[in-house]
């Protein structure tokens, strides 16, 4: 999924995992969503290309909605609505 983030919500919380590699970004996402409520939007910034595989699987497995996935100059941006 590649959707422009221009028309999507800004996010209720942000998690910057730049410089971290698998499995750290996903582990931090697990911790972050524990502090959030269903329906809130988490903005995740990453530099690890493995997140293009891991984040969609994370969402699918845990029942979250991946609103947007974007890559620009080696930086990956995800918007996730918590289920």
C-alpha atoms as a PDB file:
ATOM      1  CA  UNK A   1       0.000   0.000   0.000  1.00  0.00           C
ATOM      2  CA  UNK A   2       1.362   3.409  -0.921  1.00  0.00           C
ATOM      3  CA  UNK A   3      -0.932   6.259  -0.049  1.00  0.00           C
ATOM      4  CA  UNK A   4      -0.136   9.941   0.133  1.00  0.00           C
ATOM      5  CA  UNK A   5      -0.231  11.246   3.671  1.00  0.00           C
ATOM      6  CA  UNK A   6      -1.436  14.706   2.571  1.00  0.00           C
ATOM      7  CA  UNK A   7      -5.130  14.023   3.208  1.00  0.00           C
ATOM      8  CA  UNK A   8      -4.709  11.767   6.249  1.00  0.00           C
ATOM      9  CA  UNK A   9      -4.754  12.621   9.957  1.00  0.00           C
ATOM     10  CA  UNK A  10      -1.546  13.980  11.463  1.00  0.00           C
ATOM     11  CA  UNK A  11      -1.467  11.352  14.200  1.00  0.00           C
ATOM     12  CA  UNK A  12      -2.195  11.305  17.906  1.00  0.00           C
ATOM     13  CA  UNK A  13       1.309  10.079  18.732  1.00  0.00           C
ATOM     14  CA  UNK A  14       4.623   9.800  16.914  1.00  0.00           C
ATOM     15  CA  UNK A  15       7.357   7.184  17.141  1.00  0.00           C
ATOM     16  CA  UNK A  16      10.713   7.861  15.503  1.00  0.00           C
ATOM     17  CA  UNK A  17      12.730   4.664  15.039  1.00  0.00           C
ATOM     18  CA  UNK A  18      15.304   6.189  12.696  1.00  0.00           C
ATOM     19  CA  UNK A  19      18.644   4.380  12.987  1.00  0.00           C
ATOM     20  CA  UNK A  20      17.127   1.237  14.528  1.00  0.00           C
ATOM     21  CA  UNK A  21      16.968  -2.126  12.806  1.00  0.00           C
ATOM     22  CA  UNK A  22      14.751  -5.189  13.058  1.00  0.00           C
ATOM     23  CA  UNK A  23      13.367  -6.126  15.519  1.00  0.00           C
ATOM     24  CA  UNK A  24      13.700  -2.858  17.468  1.00  0.00           C
ATOM     25  CA  UNK A  25      11.174  -0.721  15.506  1.00  0.00           C
ATOM     26  CA  UNK A  26       8.429  -3.337  15.966  1.00  0.00           C
ATOM     27  CA  UNK A  27       9.272  -3.834  19.643  1.00  0.00           C
ATOM     28  CA  UNK A  28       8.988  -0.072  20.204  1.00  0.00           C
ATOM     29  CA  UNK A  29       5.694  -0.010  18.307  1.00  0.00           C
ATOM     30  CA  UNK A  30       4.315  -2.729  20.604  1.00  0.00           C
ATOM     31  CA  UNK A  31       5.255  -0.639  23.636  1.00  0.00           C
ATOM     32  CA  UNK A  32       3.824   2.577  22.163  1.00  0.00           C
ATOM     33  CA  UNK A  33       0.410   1.146  21.217  1.00  0.00           C
ATOM     34  CA  UNK A  34      -0.055  -0.114  24.786  1.00  0.00           C
ATOM     35  CA  UNK A  35      -0.268   3.531  25.892  1.00  0.00           C
ATOM     36  CA  UNK A  36      -2.784   4.472  23.187  1.00  0.00           C
ATOM     37  CA  UNK A  37      -6.532   3.986  22.773  1.00  0.00           C
ATOM     38  CA  UNK A  38      -8.414   2.218  20.007  1.00  0.00           C
ATOM     39  CA  UNK A  39      -9.065   4.569  17.087  1.00  0.00           C
ATOM     40  CA  UNK A  40      -6.027   6.746  17.723  1.00  0.00           C
ATOM     41  CA  UNK A  41      -3.466   7.194  14.952  1.00  0.00           C
ATOM     42  CA  UNK A  42       0.228   6.405  15.420  1.00  0.00           C
ATOM     43  CA  UNK A  43       2.755   8.004  13.087  1.00  0.00           C
ATOM     44  CA  UNK A  44       5.904   5.888  12.724  1.00  0.00           C
ATOM     45  CA  UNK A  45       9.123   7.125  11.121  1.00  0.00           C
ATOM     46  CA  UNK A  46      11.760   4.526  10.256  1.00  0.00           C
ATOM     47  CA  UNK A  47      14.969   4.076   8.290  1.00  0.00           C
ATOM     48  CA  UNK A  48      15.030   0.256   8.203  1.00  0.00           C
ATOM     49  CA  UNK A  49      13.790  -1.114   4.849  1.00  0.00           C
ATOM     50  CA  UNK A  50      12.576  -4.243   6.673  1.00  0.00           C
ATOM     51  CA  UNK A  51       9.744  -2.148   8.106  1.00  0.00           C
ATOM     52  CA  UNK A  52       8.071  -2.249   4.676  1.00  0.00           C
ATOM     53  CA  UNK A  53       7.443  -5.908   5.422  1.00  0.00           C
ATOM     54  CA  UNK A  54       7.185  -5.835   9.207  1.00  0.00           C
ATOM     55  CA  UNK A  55       4.767  -2.934   9.749  1.00  0.00           C
ATOM     56  CA  UNK A  56       1.988  -4.303   7.497  1.00  0.00           C
ATOM     57  CA  UNK A  57       2.336  -7.713   9.187  1.00  0.00           C
ATOM     58  CA  UNK A  58       2.236  -6.032  12.614  1.00  0.00           C
ATOM     59  CA  UNK A  59      -1.003  -4.273  11.652  1.00  0.00           C
ATOM     60  CA  UNK A  60      -2.608  -7.353  10.149  1.00  0.00           C
ATOM     61  CA  UNK A  61      -1.706  -9.594  13.067  1.00  0.00           C
ATOM     62  CA  UNK A  62      -2.899  -7.154  15.761  1.00  0.00           C
ATOM     63  CA  UNK A  63      -5.981  -5.802  13.975  1.00  0.00           C
ATOM     64  CA  UNK A  64      -4.711  -2.278  13.293  1.00  0.00           C
ATOM     65  CA  UNK A  65      -5.393  -0.370  10.072  1.00  0.00           C
ATOM     66  CA  UNK A  66      -2.425   0.752   7.995  1.00  0.00           C
ATOM     67  CA  UNK A  67      -3.689   4.101   6.690  1.00  0.00           C
ATOM     68  CA  UNK A  68      -0.563   5.081   4.780  1.00  0.00           C
ATOM     69  CA  UNK A  69       2.890   3.842   3.891  1.00  0.00           C
ATOM     70  CA  UNK A  70       5.360   6.147   2.174  1.00  0.00           C
ATOM     71  CA  UNK A  71       9.088   6.068   1.351  1.00  0.00           C
ATOM     72  CA  UNK A  72      11.089   9.199   0.635  1.00  0.00           C
ATOM     73  CA  UNK A  73      14.883   9.279   0.346  1.00  0.00           C
ATOM     74  CA  UNK A  74      15.403   6.218   2.532  1.00  0.00           C
ATOM     75  CA  UNK A  75      12.953   7.343   5.207  1.00  0.00           C
ATOM     76  CA  UNK A  76       9.763   5.358   5.748  1.00  0.00           C
ATOM     77  CA  UNK A  77       6.564   6.851   7.118  1.00  0.00           C
ATOM     78  CA  UNK A  78       3.572   4.881   8.369  1.00  0.00           C
ATOM     79  CA  UNK A  79       0.212   6.001   9.713  1.00  0.00           C
ATOM     80  CA  UNK A  80      -1.556   3.338  11.737  1.00  0.00           C
ATOM     81  CA  UNK A  81      -5.074   3.538  13.197  1.00  0.00           C
ATOM     82  CA  UNK A  82      -5.271   1.330  16.273  1.00  0.00           C
ATOM     83  CA  UNK A  83      -7.928  -1.369  16.279  1.00  0.00           C
END
